[in-house]
Amino acid sequence: MRAQPEVTQRDLRSRSKEIMDAVERGQAFTVTRDGHKIGKLVPLRRRRRFVPRAEFAAMSTNAPALALEAFRADQDASNPYDR
């Protein structure tokens, strides 16, 4: 695992656009103040909106079999508006 580069609080303040652009591209940073680590800047994970059919099929090969009748009965029995 690669060590995260450190950025001082002062550098973060003066180079915020450059640093935030790097975070947007996937770079993480450890923020320091007076030589002490105080936090991390990490990019947010982006959720995929689409999974290709072949990838879904590959992920599903080890999934347990589904009893459709029991699944439907469970769905019919659980009404979120009954709460």
N, C-alpha and C. Protein backbone atom coordinates (compact mmCIF):
# COMPACT_ATOMS: atom_id res chain seq x y z
N MET A 1 0.84 -1.19 0.00
CA MET A 1 0.00 0.00 0.00
C MET A 1 0.88 1.24 0.00
N ARG A 2 0.56 2.17 -0.85
CA ARG A 2 1.35 3.38 -1.00
C ARG A 2 1.00 4.39 0.09
N ALA A 3 2.02 5.06 0.62
CA ALA A 3 1.77 6.09 1.64
C ALA A 3 1.13 7.30 0.99
N GLN A 4 0.19 7.90 1.70
CA GLN A 4 -0.46 9.10 1.19
C GLN A 4 0.47 10.29 1.36
N PRO A 5 0.53 11.17 0.37
CA PRO A 5 1.33 12.37 0.54
C PRO A 5 0.73 13.25 1.63
N GLU A 6 1.59 13.97 2.34
CA GLU A 6 1.12 14.88 3.38
C GLU A 6 1.01 16.28 2.82
N VAL A 7 0.02 16.99 3.29
CA VAL A 7 -0.16 18.39 2.91
C VAL A 7 -0.41 19.17 4.20
N THR A 8 0.28 20.28 4.35
CA THR A 8 0.11 21.08 5.57
C THR A 8 -1.18 21.89 5.48
N GLN A 9 -1.65 22.30 6.62
CA GLN A 9 -2.86 23.13 6.66
C GLN A 9 -2.64 24.40 5.84
N ARG A 10 -1.47 24.98 5.93
CA ARG A 10 -1.16 26.20 5.17
C ARG A 10 -1.19 25.92 3.67
N ASP A 11 -0.57 24.80 3.23
CA ASP A 11 -0.61 24.45 1.81
C ASP A 11 -2.04 24.19 1.34
N LEU A 12 -2.81 23.55 2.18
CA LEU A 12 -4.21 23.29 1.83
C LEU A 12 -4.95 24.60 1.60
N ARG A 13 -4.68 25.56 2.45
CA ARG A 13 -5.34 26.86 2.32
C ARG A 13 -4.88 27.58 1.06
N SER A 14 -3.58 27.58 0.80
CA SER A 14 -3.07 28.37 -0.33
C SER A 14 -3.15 27.64 -1.67
N ARG A 15 -3.19 26.30 -1.67
CA ARG A 15 -3.23 25.52 -2.91
C ARG A 15 -4.49 24.68 -3.00
N SER A 16 -5.58 25.18 -2.45
CA SER A 16 -6.79 24.36 -2.34
C SER A 16 -7.30 23.86 -3.68
N LYS A 17 -7.29 24.69 -4.71
CA LYS A 17 -7.80 24.24 -6.01
C LYS A 17 -6.96 23.10 -6.55
N GLU A 18 -5.65 23.25 -6.52
CA GLU A 18 -4.75 22.21 -7.01
C GLU A 18 -4.93 20.90 -6.24
N ILE A 19 -5.02 21.01 -4.92
CA ILE A 19 -5.17 19.81 -4.08
C ILE A 19 -6.53 19.17 -4.29
N MET A 20 -7.58 19.97 -4.35
CA MET A 20 -8.92 19.41 -4.55
C MET A 20 -9.07 18.80 -5.94
N ASP A 21 -8.40 19.36 -6.94
CA ASP A 21 -8.40 18.75 -8.27
C ASP A 21 -7.75 17.37 -8.21
N ALA A 22 -6.66 17.26 -7.45
CA ALA A 22 -5.99 15.96 -7.30
C ALA A 22 -6.90 14.97 -6.57
N VAL A 23 -7.62 15.42 -5.56
CA VAL A 23 -8.56 14.55 -4.85
C VAL A 23 -9.65 14.08 -5.81
N GLU A 24 -10.13 14.98 -6.63
CA GLU A 24 -11.16 14.61 -7.61
C GLU A 24 -10.66 13.55 -8.59
N ARG A 25 -9.37 13.57 -8.89
CA ARG A 25 -8.77 12.58 -9.78
C ARG A 25 -8.45 11.27 -9.06
N GLY A 26 -8.68 11.20 -7.74
CA GLY A 26 -8.49 9.96 -7.01
C GLY A 26 -7.35 9.96 -6.00
N GLN A 27 -6.62 11.06 -5.89
CA GLN A 27 -5.49 11.15 -4.95
C GLN A 27 -6.00 11.43 -3.53
N ALA A 28 -5.42 10.76 -2.54
CA ALA A 28 -5.75 11.00 -1.14
C ALA A 28 -4.56 11.71 -0.48
N PHE A 29 -4.84 12.51 0.53
CA PHE A 29 -3.82 13.26 1.25
C PHE A 29 -4.02 13.13 2.75
N THR A 30 -2.92 13.19 3.50
CA THR A 30 -2.98 13.32 4.94
C THR A 30 -2.70 14.79 5.26
N VAL A 31 -3.56 15.41 6.04
CA VAL A 31 -3.42 16.83 6.39
C VAL A 31 -2.67 16.93 7.72
N THR A 32 -1.68 17.83 7.77
CA THR A 32 -0.91 18.03 9.00
C THR A 32 -1.00 19.48 9.46
N ARG A 33 -0.83 19.64 10.77
CA ARG A 33 -0.75 20.98 11.37
C ARG A 33 0.33 20.91 12.44
N ASP A 34 1.27 21.82 12.35
CA ASP A 34 2.40 21.85 13.29
C ASP A 34 3.10 20.49 13.36
N GLY A 35 3.20 19.81 12.21
CA GLY A 35 3.90 18.53 12.14
C GLY A 35 3.11 17.33 12.60
N HIS A 36 1.87 17.53 13.03
CA HIS A 36 1.04 16.42 13.51
C HIS A 36 -0.06 16.13 12.50
N LYS A 37 -0.30 14.84 12.28
CA LYS A 37 -1.38 14.44 11.38
C LYS A 37 -2.72 14.72 12.04
N ILE A 38 -3.59 15.44 11.31
CA ILE A 38 -4.88 15.81 11.90
C ILE A 38 -6.08 15.32 11.10
N GLY A 39 -5.86 14.86 9.89
CA GLY A 39 -7.00 14.40 9.11
C GLY A 39 -6.58 13.86 7.76
N LYS A 40 -7.58 13.42 7.01
CA LYS A 40 -7.34 12.88 5.67
C LYS A 40 -8.31 13.51 4.69
N LEU A 41 -7.82 13.74 3.50
CA LEU A 41 -8.67 14.13 2.37
C LEU A 41 -8.70 12.92 1.45
N VAL A 42 -9.87 12.35 1.27
CA VAL A 42 -9.99 11.17 0.41
C VAL A 42 -11.11 11.38 -0.59
N PRO A 43 -10.94 10.87 -1.80
CA PRO A 43 -12.02 11.00 -2.79
C PRO A 43 -13.21 10.14 -2.40
N LEU A 44 -14.39 10.60 -2.74
CA LEU A 44 -15.60 9.82 -2.51
C LEU A 44 -15.65 8.70 -3.55
N ARG A 45 -16.14 7.56 -3.11
CA ARG A 45 -16.33 6.47 -4.07
C ARG A 45 -17.51 6.79 -4.96
N ARG A 46 -17.31 6.60 -6.21
CA ARG A 46 -18.41 6.85 -7.15
C ARG A 46 -19.15 5.56 -7.40
N ARG A 47 -20.45 5.64 -7.25
CA ARG A 47 -21.28 4.45 -7.49
C ARG A 47 -21.53 4.29 -8.98
N ARG A 48 -21.41 3.07 -9.43
CA ARG A 48 -21.75 2.80 -10.82
C ARG A 48 -23.27 2.73 -10.94
N ARG A 49 -23.78 3.20 -12.03
CA ARG A 49 -25.22 3.15 -12.25
C ARG A 49 -25.60 1.95 -13.11
N PHE A 50 -24.63 1.36 -13.79
CA PHE A 50 -24.94 0.28 -14.72
C PHE A 50 -23.92 -0.83 -14.53
N VAL A 51 -24.39 -2.05 -14.48
CA VAL A 51 -23.52 -3.22 -14.42
C VAL A 51 -23.79 -4.02 -15.69
N PRO A 52 -22.77 -4.27 -16.48
CA PRO A 52 -22.98 -5.04 -17.71
C PRO A 52 -23.56 -6.43 -17.41
N ARG A 53 -24.37 -6.92 -18.32
CA ARG A 53 -25.06 -8.20 -18.15
C ARG A 53 -24.08 -9.33 -17.85
N ALA A 54 -22.96 -9.39 -18.57
CA ALA A 54 -21.99 -10.47 -18.37
C ALA A 54 -21.39 -10.40 -16.96
N GLU A 55 -21.13 -9.20 -16.47
CA GLU A 55 -20.59 -9.06 -15.12
C GLU A 55 -21.62 -9.47 -14.07
N PHE A 56 -22.87 -9.10 -14.26
CA PHE A 56 -23.92 -9.49 -13.33
C PHE A 56 -24.08 -11.01 -13.32
N ALA A 57 -24.05 -11.61 -14.50
CA ALA A 57 -24.18 -13.06 -14.59
C ALA A 57 -23.02 -13.75 -13.87
N ALA A 58 -21.81 -13.22 -14.03
CA ALA A 58 -20.64 -13.81 -13.38
C ALA A 58 -20.76 -13.68 -11.86
N MET A 59 -21.26 -12.56 -11.36
CA MET A 59 -21.40 -12.36 -9.93
C MET A 59 -22.51 -13.26 -9.36
N SER A 60 -23.47 -13.61 -10.19
CA SER A 60 -24.63 -14.36 -9.72
C SER A 60 -24.45 -15.87 -9.78
N THR A 61 -23.35 -16.36 -10.31
CA THR A 61 -23.20 -17.80 -10.50
C THR A 61 -23.23 -18.57 -9.18
N ASN A 62 -22.75 -17.98 -8.09
CA ASN A 62 -22.73 -18.67 -6.80
C ASN A 62 -23.88 -18.28 -5.88
N ALA A 63 -24.83 -17.53 -6.41
CA ALA A 63 -25.98 -17.10 -5.60
C ALA A 63 -26.88 -18.30 -5.32
N PRO A 64 -27.49 -18.32 -4.13
CA PRO A 64 -28.39 -19.44 -3.83
C PRO A 64 -29.64 -19.38 -4.70
N ALA A 65 -30.23 -20.53 -4.91
CA ALA A 65 -31.46 -20.61 -5.70
C ALA A 65 -32.58 -19.87 -4.95
N LEU A 66 -33.48 -19.29 -5.69
CA LEU A 66 -34.56 -18.52 -5.11
C LEU A 66 -35.88 -19.24 -5.33
N ALA A 67 -36.61 -19.48 -4.26
CA ALA A 67 -37.94 -20.07 -4.36
C ALA A 67 -38.92 -18.94 -4.63
N LEU A 68 -39.35 -18.82 -5.87
CA LEU A 68 -40.17 -17.67 -6.27
C LEU A 68 -41.47 -17.56 -5.49
N GLU A 69 -42.11 -18.68 -5.21
CA GLU A 69 -43.38 -18.64 -4.49
C GLU A 69 -43.17 -18.10 -3.07
N ALA A 70 -42.12 -18.56 -2.39
CA ALA A 70 -41.83 -18.09 -1.03
C ALA A 70 -41.45 -16.61 -1.05
N PHE A 71 -40.69 -16.21 -2.06
CA PHE A 71 -40.30 -14.79 -2.18
C PHE A 71 -41.54 -13.91 -2.35
N ARG A 72 -42.43 -14.30 -3.23
CA ARG A 72 -43.65 -13.52 -3.47
C ARG A 72 -44.51 -13.47 -2.21
N ALA A 73 -44.61 -14.58 -1.49
CA ALA A 73 -45.40 -14.61 -0.26
C ALA A 73 -44.80 -13.66 0.78
N ASP A 74 -43.48 -13.64 0.89
CA ASP A 74 -42.82 -12.71 1.82
C ASP A 74 -43.09 -11.26 1.42
N GLN A 75 -43.04 -10.99 0.13
CA GLN A 75 -43.29 -9.63 -0.34
C GLN A 75 -44.74 -9.22 -0.06
N ASP A 76 -45.66 -10.12 -0.30
CA ASP A 76 -47.07 -9.81 -0.06
C ASP A 76 -47.35 -9.63 1.43
N ALA A 77 -46.64 -10.37 2.27
CA ALA A 77 -46.87 -10.31 3.72
C ALA A 77 -46.29 -9.04 4.34
N SER A 78 -45.27 -8.46 3.72
CA SER A 78 -44.66 -7.27 4.31
C SER A 78 -45.18 -6.02 3.62
N ASN A 79 -45.99 -5.28 4.34
CA ASN A 79 -46.55 -4.03 3.81
C ASN A 79 -45.92 -2.88 4.59
N PRO A 80 -45.12 -2.04 3.94
CA PRO A 80 -44.46 -0.95 4.67
C PRO A 80 -45.44 0.08 5.22
N TYR A 81 -46.67 0.07 4.74
CA TYR A 81 -47.65 1.05 5.21
C TYR A 81 -48.39 0.59 6.46
N ASP A 82 -48.13 -0.64 6.93
CA ASP A 82 -48.77 -1.15 8.13
C ASP A 82 -48.11 -0.65 9.40
N ARG A 83 -47.00 0.02 9.29
CA ARG A 83 -46.25 0.45 10.49
C ARG A 83 -46.92 1.53 11.22
